[in-house]
PDB file of N, CA and C in Angstrom:
ATOM      1  N   MET A   1     -77.843  58.109 124.226  1.00  0.00           N
ATOM      2  CA  MET A   1     -78.395  59.361 123.753  1.00  0.00           C
ATOM      3  C   MET A   1     -79.853  59.466 124.208  1.00  0.00           C
ATOM      4  N   LYS A   2     -80.250  60.634 124.609  1.00  0.00           N
ATOM      5  CA  LYS A   2     -81.641  60.899 124.989  1.00  0.00           C
ATOM      6  C   LYS A   2     -82.415  61.384 123.766  1.00  0.00           C
ATOM      7  N   PHE A   3     -83.717  61.237 123.819  1.00  0.00           N
ATOM      8  CA  PHE A   3     -84.618  61.750 122.812  1.00  0.00           C
ATOM      9  C   PHE A   3     -85.504  62.793 123.476  1.00  0.00           C
ATOM     10  N   TYR A   4     -85.835  63.841 122.744  1.00  0.00           N
ATOM     11  CA  TYR A   4     -86.664  64.904 123.291  1.00  0.00           C
ATOM     12  C   TYR A   4     -87.858  65.120 122.379  1.00  0.00           C
ATOM     13  N   GLU A   5     -88.999  65.255 123.003  1.00  0.00           N
ATOM     14  CA  GLU A   5     -90.217  65.546 122.255  1.00  0.00           C
ATOM     15  C   GLU A   5     -90.643  66.968 122.587  1.00  0.00           C
ATOM     16  N   MET A   6     -90.748  67.791 121.548  1.00  0.00           N
ATOM     17  CA  MET A   6     -91.276  69.144 121.709  1.00  0.00           C
ATOM     18  C   MET A   6     -92.739  69.116 121.291  1.00  0.00           C
ATOM     19  N   ARG A   7     -93.571  69.601 122.168  1.00  0.00           N
ATOM     20  CA  ARG A   7     -95.001  69.686 121.889  1.00  0.00           C
ATOM     21  C   ARG A   7     -95.379  71.164 121.918  1.00  0.00           C
ATOM     22  N   ILE A   8     -96.044  71.617 120.865  1.00  0.00           N
ATOM     23  CA  ILE A   8     -96.460  73.007 120.752  1.00  0.00           C
ATOM     24  C   ILE A   8     -97.971  73.034 120.575  1.00  0.00           C
ATOM     25  N   TYR A   9     -98.632  73.692 121.497  1.00  0.00           N
ATOM     26  CA  TYR A   9    -100.086  73.820 121.448  1.00  0.00           C
ATOM     27  C   TYR A   9    -100.451  75.277 121.220  1.00  0.00           C
ATOM     28  N   THR A  10    -101.372  75.515 120.312  1.00  0.00           N
ATOM     29  CA  THR A  10    -101.960  76.843 120.146  1.00  0.00           C
ATOM     30  C   THR A  10    -103.285  76.830 120.897  1.00  0.00           C
ATOM     31  N   ILE A  11    -103.400  77.762 121.829  1.00  0.00           N
ATOM     32  CA  ILE A  11    -104.566  77.836 122.712  1.00  0.00           C
ATOM     33  C   ILE A  11    -105.529  78.900 122.182  1.00  0.00           C
ATOM     34  N   LYS A  12    -106.790  78.696 122.400  1.00  0.00           N
ATOM     35  CA  LYS A  12    -107.787  79.686 121.975  1.00  0.00           C
ATOM     36  C   LYS A  12    -107.478  81.041 122.591  1.00  0.00           C
ATOM     37  N   ALA A  13    -107.686  82.103 121.817  1.00  0.00           N
ATOM     38  CA  ALA A  13    -107.430  83.464 122.290  1.00  0.00           C
ATOM     39  C   ALA A  13    -108.190  83.721 123.586  1.00  0.00           C
ATOM     40  N   GLY A  14    -107.500  84.298 124.548  1.00  0.00           N
ATOM     41  CA  GLY A  14    -108.103  84.623 125.833  1.00  0.00           C
ATOM     42  C   GLY A  14    -108.127  83.463 126.819  1.00  0.00           C
ATOM     43  N   GLN A  15    -107.647  82.290 126.408  1.00  0.00           N
ATOM     44  CA  GLN A  15    -107.722  81.101 127.264  1.00  0.00           C
ATOM     45  C   GLN A  15    -106.354  80.594 127.728  1.00  0.00           C
ATOM     46  N   LEU A  16    -105.277  81.312 127.390  1.00  0.00           N
ATOM     47  CA  LEU A  16    -103.939  80.835 127.731  1.00  0.00           C
ATOM     48  C   LEU A  16    -103.771  80.659 129.236  1.00  0.00           C
ATOM     49  N   GLY A  17    -104.151  81.656 130.019  1.00  0.00           N
ATOM     50  CA  GLY A  17    -104.030  81.564 131.472  1.00  0.00           C
ATOM     51  C   GLY A  17    -104.837  80.408 132.041  1.00  0.00           C
ATOM     52  N   THR A  18    -106.026  80.211 131.507  1.00  0.00           N
ATOM     53  CA  THR A  18    -106.883  79.109 131.953  1.00  0.00           C
ATOM     54  C   THR A  18    -106.226  77.769 131.653  1.00  0.00           C
ATOM     55  N   TYR A  19    -105.662  77.635 130.436  1.00  0.00           N
ATOM     56  CA  TYR A  19    -105.026  76.378 130.054  1.00  0.00           C
ATOM     57  C   TYR A  19    -103.798  76.089 130.916  1.00  0.00           C
ATOM     58  N   VAL A  20    -102.928  77.083 131.089  1.00  0.00           N
ATOM     59  CA  VAL A  20    -101.702  76.884 131.867  1.00  0.00           C
ATOM     60  C   VAL A  20    -102.046  76.510 133.308  1.00  0.00           C
ATOM     61  N   LYS A  21    -103.026  77.187 133.883  1.00  0.00           N
ATOM     62  CA  LYS A  21    -103.434  76.871 135.261  1.00  0.00           C
ATOM     63  C   LYS A  21    -104.003  75.454 135.349  1.00  0.00           C
ATOM     64  N   LEU A  22    -104.830  75.080 134.388  1.00  0.00           N
ATOM     65  CA  LEU A  22    -105.411  73.743 134.365  1.00  0.00           C
ATOM     66  C   LEU A  22    -104.317  72.684 134.251  1.00  0.00           C
ATOM     67  N   PHE A  23    -103.332  72.933 133.368  1.00  0.00           N
ATOM     68  CA  PHE A  23    -102.247  71.968 133.225  1.00  0.00           C
ATOM     69  C   PHE A  23    -101.422  71.879 134.505  1.00  0.00           C
ATOM     70  N   GLU A  24    -101.109  73.016 135.088  1.00  0.00           N
ATOM     71  CA  GLU A  24    -100.303  73.021 136.320  1.00  0.00           C
ATOM     72  C   GLU A  24    -100.999  72.277 137.450  1.00  0.00           C
ATOM     73  N   GLU A  25    -102.272  72.542 137.633  1.00  0.00           N
ATOM     74  CA  GLU A  25    -102.998  71.986 138.777  1.00  0.00           C
ATOM     75  C   GLU A  25    -103.481  70.549 138.559  1.00  0.00           C
ATOM     76  N   GLU A  26    -103.854  70.210 137.332  1.00  0.00           N
ATOM     77  CA  GLU A  26    -104.446  68.894 137.092  1.00  0.00           C
ATOM     78  C   GLU A  26    -103.613  68.010 136.174  1.00  0.00           C
ATOM     79  N   GLY A  27    -103.165  68.544 135.058  1.00  0.00           N
ATOM     80  CA  GLY A  27    -102.450  67.730 134.079  1.00  0.00           C
ATOM     81  C   GLY A  27    -101.044  67.359 134.490  1.00  0.00           C
ATOM     82  N   PHE A  28    -100.283  68.322 134.990  1.00  0.00           N
ATOM     83  CA  PHE A  28     -98.886  68.066 135.313  1.00  0.00           C
ATOM     84  C   PHE A  28     -98.698  66.983 136.381  1.00  0.00           C
ATOM     85  N   PRO A  29     -99.474  66.990 137.462  1.00  0.00           N
ATOM     86  CA  PRO A  29     -99.308  65.908 138.448  1.00  0.00           C
ATOM     87  C   PRO A  29     -99.559  64.510 137.865  1.00  0.00           C
ATOM     88  N   ILE A  30    -100.428  64.420 136.884  1.00  0.00           N
ATOM     89  CA  ILE A  30    -100.721  63.118 136.272  1.00  0.00           C
ATOM     90  C   ILE A  30     -99.612  62.717 135.306  1.00  0.00           C
ATOM     91  N   ILE A  31     -99.289  63.587 134.373  1.00  0.00           N
ATOM     92  CA  ILE A  31     -98.297  63.250 133.347  1.00  0.00           C
ATOM     93  C   ILE A  31     -96.914  63.025 133.942  1.00  0.00           C
ATOM     94  N   SER A  32     -96.631  63.659 135.071  1.00  0.00           N
ATOM     95  CA  SER A  32     -95.328  63.508 135.720  1.00  0.00           C
ATOM     96  C   SER A  32     -95.094  62.091 136.237  1.00  0.00           C
ATOM     97  N   LYS A  33     -96.152  61.318 136.391  1.00  0.00           N
ATOM     98  CA  LYS A  33     -95.999  59.922 136.787  1.00  0.00           C
ATOM     99  C   LYS A  33     -95.380  59.098 135.663  1.00  0.00           C
ATOM    100  N   TYR A  34     -95.453  59.607 134.429  1.00  0.00           N
ATOM    101  CA  TYR A  34     -95.055  58.830 133.260  1.00  0.00           C
ATOM    102  C   TYR A  34     -93.884  59.432 132.486  1.00  0.00           C
ATOM    103  N   GLN A  35     -93.716  60.728 132.547  1.00  0.00           N
ATOM    104  CA  GLN A  35     -92.754  61.398 131.680  1.00  0.00           C
ATOM    105  C   GLN A  35     -91.933  62.418 132.455  1.00  0.00           C
ATOM    106  N   LYS A  36     -90.732  62.716 131.932  1.00  0.00           N
ATOM    107  CA  LYS A  36     -89.848  63.698 132.553  1.00  0.00           C
ATOM    108  C   LYS A  36     -89.910  65.011 131.775  1.00  0.00           C
ATOM    109  N   LEU A  37     -90.361  66.060 132.447  1.00  0.00           N
ATOM    110  CA  LEU A  37     -90.452  67.387 131.836  1.00  0.00           C
ATOM    111  C   LEU A  37     -89.087  68.056 131.848  1.00  0.00           C
ATOM    112  N   VAL A  38     -88.683  68.582 130.693  1.00  0.00           N
ATOM    113  CA  VAL A  38     -87.433  69.340 130.577  1.00  0.00           C
ATOM    114  C   VAL A  38     -87.715  70.836 130.706  1.00  0.00           C
ATOM    115  N   GLY A  39     -88.805  71.288 130.106  1.00  0.00           N
ATOM    116  CA  GLY A  39     -89.164  72.704 130.185  1.00  0.00           C
ATOM    117  C   GLY A  39     -90.586  72.944 129.708  1.00  0.00           C
ATOM    118  N   TYR A  40     -91.176  74.032 130.180  1.00  0.00           N
ATOM    119  CA  TYR A  40     -92.559  74.377 129.840  1.00  0.00           C
ATOM    120  C   TYR A  40     -92.626  75.900 129.723  1.00  0.00           C
ATOM    121  N   TRP A  41     -93.028  76.406 128.578  1.00  0.00           N
ATOM    122  CA  TRP A  41     -93.055  77.844 128.327  1.00  0.00           C
ATOM    123  C   TRP A  41     -94.362  78.240 127.659  1.00  0.00           C
ATOM    124  N   TYR A  42     -94.660  79.528 127.722  1.00  0.00           N
ATOM    125  CA  TYR A  42     -95.743  80.087 126.920  1.00  0.00           C
ATOM    126  C   TYR A  42     -95.227  81.366 126.272  1.00  0.00           C
ATOM    127  N   THR A  43     -95.845  81.740 125.163  1.00  0.00           N
ATOM    128  CA  THR A  43     -95.345  82.866 124.378  1.00  0.00           C
ATOM    129  C   THR A  43     -95.946  84.189 124.833  1.00  0.00           C
ATOM    130  N   ASP A  44     -95.158  85.240 124.627  1.00  0.00           N
ATOM    131  CA  ASP A  44     -95.601  86.598 124.921  1.00  0.00           C
ATOM    132  C   ASP A  44     -95.354  87.524 123.727  1.00  0.00           C
ATOM    133  N   ILE A  45     -94.371  87.182 122.908  1.00  0.00           N
ATOM    134  CA  ILE A  45     -94.036  87.952 121.710  1.00  0.00           C
ATOM    135  C   ILE A  45     -93.951  86.967 120.554  1.00  0.00           C
ATOM    136  N   GLY A  46     -94.355  87.400 119.376  1.00  0.00           N
ATOM    137  CA  GLY A  46     -94.332  86.516 118.205  1.00  0.00           C
ATOM    138  C   GLY A  46     -95.648  85.779 118.094  1.00  0.00           C
ATOM    139  N   GLU A  47     -95.579  84.476 117.833  1.00  0.00           N
ATOM    140  CA  GLU A  47     -96.790  83.652 117.760  1.00  0.00           C
ATOM    141  C   GLU A  47     -97.423  83.620 119.147  1.00  0.00           C
ATOM    142  N   LEU A  48     -98.554  84.244 119.297  1.00  0.00           N
ATOM    143  CA  LEU A  48     -99.194  84.334 120.606  1.00  0.00           C
ATOM    144  C   LEU A  48    -100.054  83.105 120.896  1.00  0.00           C
ATOM    145  N   ASN A  49    -100.383  82.954 122.166  1.00  0.00           N
ATOM    146  CA  ASN A  49    -101.269  81.883 122.629  1.00  0.00           C
ATOM    147  C   ASN A  49    -100.681  80.491 122.402  1.00  0.00           C
ATOM    148  N   GLU A  50     -99.353  80.395 122.450  1.00  0.00           N
ATOM    149  CA  GLU A  50     -98.717  79.097 122.306  1.00  0.00           C
ATOM    150  C   GLU A  50     -98.113  78.636 123.625  1.00  0.00           C
ATOM    151  N   VAL A  51     -98.200  77.331 123.839  1.00  0.00           N
ATOM    152  CA  VAL A  51     -97.542  76.671 124.956  1.00  0.00           C
ATOM    153  C   VAL A  51     -96.559  75.687 124.340  1.00  0.00           C
ATOM    154  N   VAL A  52     -95.319  75.712 124.821  1.00  0.00           N
ATOM    155  CA  VAL A  52     -94.282  74.825 124.309  1.00  0.00           C
ATOM    156  C   VAL A  52     -93.720  74.040 125.484  1.00  0.00           C
ATOM    157  N   HIS A  53     -93.678  72.726 125.344  1.00  0.00           N
ATOM    158  CA  HIS A  53     -93.050  71.925 126.391  1.00  0.00           C
ATOM    159  C   HIS A  53     -92.195  70.845 125.759  1.00  0.00           C
ATOM    160  N   ILE A  54     -91.159  70.438 126.505  1.00  0.00           N
ATOM    161  CA  ILE A  54     -90.216  69.432 126.025  1.00  0.00           C
ATOM    162  C   ILE A  54     -90.127  68.327 127.074  1.00  0.00           C
ATOM    163  N   TRP A  55     -90.191  67.092 126.577  1.00  0.00           N
ATOM    164  CA  TRP A  55     -90.155  65.894 127.415  1.00  0.00           C
ATOM    165  C   TRP A  55     -88.956  65.048 127.020  1.00  0.00           C
ATOM    166  N   GLU A  56     -88.339  64.393 127.987  1.00  0.00           N
ATOM    167  CA  GLU A  56     -87.140  63.599 127.754  1.00  0.00           C
ATOM    168  C   GLU A  56     -87.455  62.109 127.834  1.00  0.00           C
ATOM    169  N   TYR A  57     -86.838  61.339 126.923  1.00  0.00           N
ATOM    170  CA  TYR A  57     -86.985  59.892 126.907  1.00  0.00           C
ATOM    171  C   TYR A  57     -85.636  59.238 126.639  1.00  0.00           C
ATOM    172  N   ASP A  58     -85.486  58.013 127.109  1.00  0.00           N
ATOM    173  CA  ASP A  58     -84.277  57.249 126.830  1.00  0.00           C
ATOM    174  C   ASP A  58     -84.319  56.611 125.444  1.00  0.00           C
ATOM    175  N   SER A  59     -85.508  56.370 124.932  1.00  0.00           N
ATOM    176  CA  SER A  59     -85.655  55.757 123.608  1.00  0.00           C
ATOM    177  C   SER A  59     -87.060  56.051 123.083  1.00  0.00           C
ATOM    178  N   LEU A  60     -87.242  55.821 121.795  1.00  0.00           N
ATOM    179  CA  LEU A  60     -88.574  55.990 121.223  1.00  0.00           C
ATOM    180  C   LEU A  60     -89.523  54.896 121.714  1.00  0.00           C
ATOM    181  N   ASP A  61     -88.966  53.719 122.015  1.00  0.00           N
ATOM    182  CA  ASP A  61     -89.792  52.658 122.594  1.00  0.00           C
ATOM    183  C   ASP A  61     -90.303  53.067 123.973  1.00  0.00           C
ATOM    184  N   GLU A  62     -89.425  53.674 124.785  1.00  0.00           N
ATOM    185  CA  GLU A  62     -89.848  54.148 126.103  1.00  0.00           C
ATOM    186  C   GLU A  62     -90.953  55.186 125.951  1.00  0.00           C
ATOM    187  N   ARG A  63     -90.798  56.092 124.997  1.00  0.00           N
ATOM    188  CA  ARG A  63     -91.823  57.106 124.758  1.00  0.00           C
ATOM    189  C   ARG A  63     -93.164  56.434 124.447  1.00  0.00           C
ATOM    190  N   ALA A  64     -93.152  55.453 123.559  1.00  0.00           N
ATOM    191  CA  ALA A  64     -94.389  54.764 123.184  1.00  0.00           C
ATOM    192  C   ALA A  64     -95.030  54.081 124.386  1.00  0.00           C
ATOM    193  N   GLU A  65     -94.225  53.429 125.207  1.00  0.00           N
ATOM    194  CA  GLU A  65     -94.750  52.754 126.397  1.00  0.00           C
ATOM    195  C   GLU A  65     -95.344  53.749 127.387  1.00  0.00           C
ATOM    196  N   LYS A  66     -94.630  54.834 127.633  1.00  0.00           N
ATOM    197  CA  LYS A  66     -95.107  55.820 128.607  1.00  0.00           C
ATOM    198  C   LYS A  66     -96.344  56.553 128.109  1.00  0.00           C
ATOM    199  N   ARG A  67     -96.378  56.885 126.827  1.00  0.00           N
ATOM    200  CA  ARG A  67     -97.558  57.554 126.284  1.00  0.00           C
ATOM    201  C   ARG A  67     -98.771  56.620 126.350  1.00  0.00           C
ATOM    202  N   LYS A  68     -98.566  55.336 126.059  1.00  0.00           N
ATOM    203  CA  LYS A  68     -99.675  54.368 126.131  1.00  0.00           C
ATOM    204  C   LYS A  68    -100.224  54.294 127.553  1.00  0.00           C
ATOM    205  N   ALA A  69     -99.330  54.205 128.530  1.00  0.00           N
ATOM    206  CA  ALA A  69     -99.772  54.151 129.928  1.00  0.00           C
ATOM    207  C   ALA A  69    -100.507  55.425 130.315  1.00  0.00           C
ATOM    208  N   LEU A  70     -99.995  56.573 129.881  1.00  0.00           N
ATOM    209  CA  LEU A  70    -100.654  57.855 130.170  1.00  0.00           C
ATOM    210  C   LEU A  70    -102.059  57.879 129.584  1.00  0.00           C
ATOM    211  N   TYR A  71    -102.195  57.493 128.327  1.00  0.00           N
ATOM    212  CA  TYR A  71    -103.499  57.543 127.658  1.00  0.00           C
ATOM    213  C   TYR A  71    -104.518  56.607 128.304  1.00  0.00           C
ATOM    214  N   GLU A  72    -104.040  55.592 129.011  1.00  0.00           N
ATOM    215  CA  GLU A  72    -104.946  54.658 129.682  1.00  0.00           C
ATOM    216  C   GLU A  72    -105.312  55.105 131.096  1.00  0.00           C
ATOM    217  N   ASP A  73    -104.664  56.125 131.596  1.00  0.00           N
ATOM    218  CA  ASP A  73    -104.905  56.615 132.954  1.00  0.00           C
ATOM    219  C   ASP A  73    -106.257  57.341 133.004  1.00  0.00           C
ATOM    220  N   PRO A  74    -107.183  56.894 133.844  1.00  0.00           N
ATOM    221  CA  PRO A  74    -108.508  57.534 133.914  1.00  0.00           C
ATOM    222  C   PRO A  74    -108.442  59.009 134.319  1.00  0.00           C
ATOM    223  N   GLU A  75    -107.487  59.357 135.158  1.00  0.00           N
ATOM    224  CA  GLU A  75    -107.351  60.765 135.562  1.00  0.00           C
ATOM    225  C   GLU A  75    -106.910  61.621 134.382  1.00  0.00           C
ATOM    226  N   TRP A  76    -106.043  61.068 133.513  1.00  0.00           N
ATOM    227  CA  TRP A  76    -105.602  61.808 132.324  1.00  0.00           C
ATOM    228  C   TRP A  76    -106.780  62.034 131.387  1.00  0.00           C
ATOM    229  N   LYS A  77    -107.630  61.031 131.263  1.00  0.00           N
ATOM    230  CA  LYS A  77    -108.813  61.166 130.410  1.00  0.00           C
ATOM    231  C   LYS A  77    -109.725  62.281 130.915  1.00  0.00           C
ATOM    232  N   LYS A  78    -109.856  62.400 132.227  1.00  0.00           N
ATOM    233  CA  LYS A  78    -110.668  63.481 132.801  1.00  0.00           C
ATOM    234  C   LYS A  78    -110.043  64.831 132.488  1.00  0.00           C
ATOM    235  N   PHE A  79    -108.710  64.918 132.645  1.00  0.00           N
ATOM    236  CA  PHE A  79    -108.013  66.169 132.349  1.00  0.00           C
ATOM    237  C   PHE A  79    -108.184  66.555 130.884  1.00  0.00           C
ATOM    238  N   THR A  80    -107.954  65.614 129.975  1.00  0.00           N
ATOM    239  CA  THR A  80    -108.025  65.955 128.554  1.00  0.00           C
ATOM    240  C   THR A  80    -109.437  66.343 128.124  1.00  0.00           C
ATOM    241  N   SER A  81    -110.442  65.819 128.807  1.00  0.00           N
ATOM    242  CA  SER A  81    -111.813  66.214 128.457  1.00  0.00           C
ATOM    243  C   SER A  81    -112.032  67.705 128.717  1.00  0.00           C
ATOM    244  N   LYS A  82    -111.289  68.269 129.652  1.00  0.00           N
ATOM    245  CA  LYS A  82    -111.364  69.713 129.918  1.00  0.00           C
ATOM    246  C   LYS A  82    -110.393  70.489 129.029  1.00  0.00           C
ATOM    247  N   ALA A  83    -109.185  69.976 128.902  1.00  0.00           N
ATOM    248  CA  ALA A  83    -108.119  70.714 128.220  1.00  0.00           C
ATOM    249  C   ALA A  83    -108.331  70.816 126.716  1.00  0.00           C
ATOM    250  N   PHE A  84    -108.799  69.759 126.082  1.00  0.00           N
ATOM    251  CA  PHE A  84    -108.913  69.754 124.624  1.00  0.00           C
ATOM    252  C   PHE A  84    -109.831  70.847 124.098  1.00  0.00           C
ATOM    253  N   SER A  85    -110.813  71.252 124.882  1.00  0.00           N
ATOM    254  CA  SER A  85    -111.727  72.304 124.424  1.00  0.00           C
ATOM    255  C   SER A  85    -111.041  73.672 124.359  1.00  0.00           C
ATOM    256  N   LEU A  86    -109.860  73.792 124.975  1.00  0.00           N
ATOM    257  CA  LEU A  86    -109.116  75.059 124.980  1.00  0.00           C
ATOM    258  C   LEU A  86    -108.041  75.119 123.896  1.00  0.00           C
ATOM    259  N   ILE A  87    -107.793  73.995 123.216  1.00  0.00           N
ATOM    260  CA  ILE A  87    -106.693  73.891 122.251  1.00  0.00           C
ATOM    261  C   ILE A  87    -107.210  74.021 120.822  1.00  0.00           C
ATOM    262  N   LEU A  88    -106.508  74.863 120.034  1.00  0.00           N
ATOM    263  CA  LEU A  88    -106.841  75.000 118.616  1.00  0.00           C
ATOM    264  C   LEU A  88    -106.040  74.041 117.741  1.00  0.00           C
ATOM    265  N   SER A  89    -104.739  73.889 118.066  1.00  0.00           N
ATOM    266  CA  SER A  89    -103.896  73.005 117.260  1.00  0.00           C
ATOM    267  C   SER A  89    -102.731  72.480 118.090  1.00  0.00           C
ATOM    268  N   GLN A  90    -102.094  71.444 117.563  1.00  0.00           N
ATOM    269  CA  GLN A  90    -100.973  70.811 118.256  1.00  0.00           C
ATOM    270  C   GLN A  90     -99.938  70.379 117.231  1.00  0.00           C
ATOM    271  N   LYS A  91     -98.655  70.551 117.572  1.00  0.00           N
ATOM    272  CA  LYS A  91     -97.538  70.057 116.766  1.00  0.00           C
ATOM    273  C   LYS A  91     -96.625  69.279 117.694  1.00  0.00           C
ATOM    274  N   ASN A  92     -96.111  68.174 117.215  1.00  0.00           N
ATOM    275  CA  ASN A  92     -95.152  67.368 117.976  1.00  0.00           C
ATOM    276  C   ASN A  92     -93.909  67.184 117.124  1.00  0.00           C
ATOM    277  N   LYS A  93     -92.749  67.241 117.763  1.00  0.00           N
ATOM    278  CA  LYS A  93     -91.484  67.003 117.074  1.00  0.00           C
ATOM    279  C   LYS A  93     -90.610  66.145 117.966  1.00  0.00           C
ATOM    280  N   ILE A  94     -89.951  65.154 117.372  1.00  0.00           N
ATOM    281  CA  ILE A  94     -88.929  64.407 118.087  1.00  0.00           C
ATOM    282  C   ILE A  94     -87.599  65.047 117.709  1.00  0.00           C
ATOM    283  N   MET A  95     -86.809  65.389 118.720  1.00  0.00           N
ATOM    284  CA  MET A  95     -85.556  66.097 118.491  1.00  0.00           C
ATOM    285  C   MET A  95     -84.394  65.298 119.083  1.00  0.00           C
ATOM    286  N   TYR A  96     -83.276  65.349 118.396  1.00  0.00           N
ATOM    287  CA  TYR A  96     -82.057  64.677 118.836  1.00  0.00           C
ATOM    288  C   TYR A  96     -81.032  65.750 119.182  1.00  0.00           C
ATOM    289  N   PRO A  97     -80.355  65.643 120.325  1.00  0.00           N
ATOM    290  CA  PRO A  97     -79.375  66.666 120.691  1.00  0.00           C
ATOM    291  C   PRO A  97     -78.118  66.573 119.825  1.00  0.00           C
ATOM    292  N   SER A  98     -77.572  67.727 119.499  1.00  0.00           N
ATOM    293  CA  SER A  98     -76.292  67.765 118.790  1.00  0.00           C
ATOM    294  C   SER A  98     -75.168  67.454 119.772  1.00  0.00           C
ATOM    295  N   ASN A  99     -73.987  67.193 119.251  1.00  0.00           N
ATOM    296  CA  ASN A  99     -72.839  66.887 120.110  1.00  0.00           C
ATOM    297  C   ASN A  99     -72.518  68.002 121.100  1.00  0.00           C
ATOM    298  N   PHE A 100     -72.790  69.242 120.720  1.00  0.00           N
ATOM    299  CA  PHE A 100     -72.427  70.386 121.563  1.00  0.00           C
ATOM    300  C   PHE A 100     -73.605  70.945 122.368  1.00  0.00           C
ATOM    301  N   SER A 101     -74.751  70.289 122.305  1.00  0.00           N
ATOM    302  CA  SER A 101     -75.917  70.745 123.058  1.00  0.00           C
ATOM    303  C   SER A 101     -75.682  70.636 124.547  1.00  0.00           C
ATOM    304  N   PRO A 102     -76.018  71.674 125.329  1.00  0.00           N
ATOM    305  CA  PRO A 102     -75.870  71.583 126.774  1.00  0.00           C
ATOM    306  C   PRO A 102     -76.813  70.559 127.394  1.00  0.00           C
ATOM    307  N   ILE A 103     -77.899  70.247 126.721  1.00  0.00           N
ATOM    308  CA  ILE A 103     -78.817  69.199 127.171  1.00  0.00           C
ATOM    309  C   ILE A 103     -78.633  68.016 126.238  1.00  0.00           C
ATOM    310  N   LYS A 104     -78.288  66.884 126.780  1.00  0.00           N
ATOM    311  CA  LYS A 104     -78.063  65.682 125.959  1.00  0.00           C
ATOM    312  C   LYS A 104     -78.956  64.565 126.393  1.00  0.00           C
TER     313      LYS A 104
END
């Protein structure tokens, strides 16, 4: 069974485009060395200024190992020093697929 982590970030008003571009150009190439992206979205209706992404792991231990390696990466530290100033809040959820989920 795979494990999925949903991360939801609320971005400062007026900064969504800046954040998404920064993540695409700088953050994504770094984090992709450690984690597998399932999907990345931003909101247009409802709760505005949100970015939602889902990452796949084989186990919670793998997640812990990969996150530790990511946090130790000097390039990631440079990225987060820019990105964190654009974020208002963050939520993380670990999700388990149901038997009938198209993504398992």
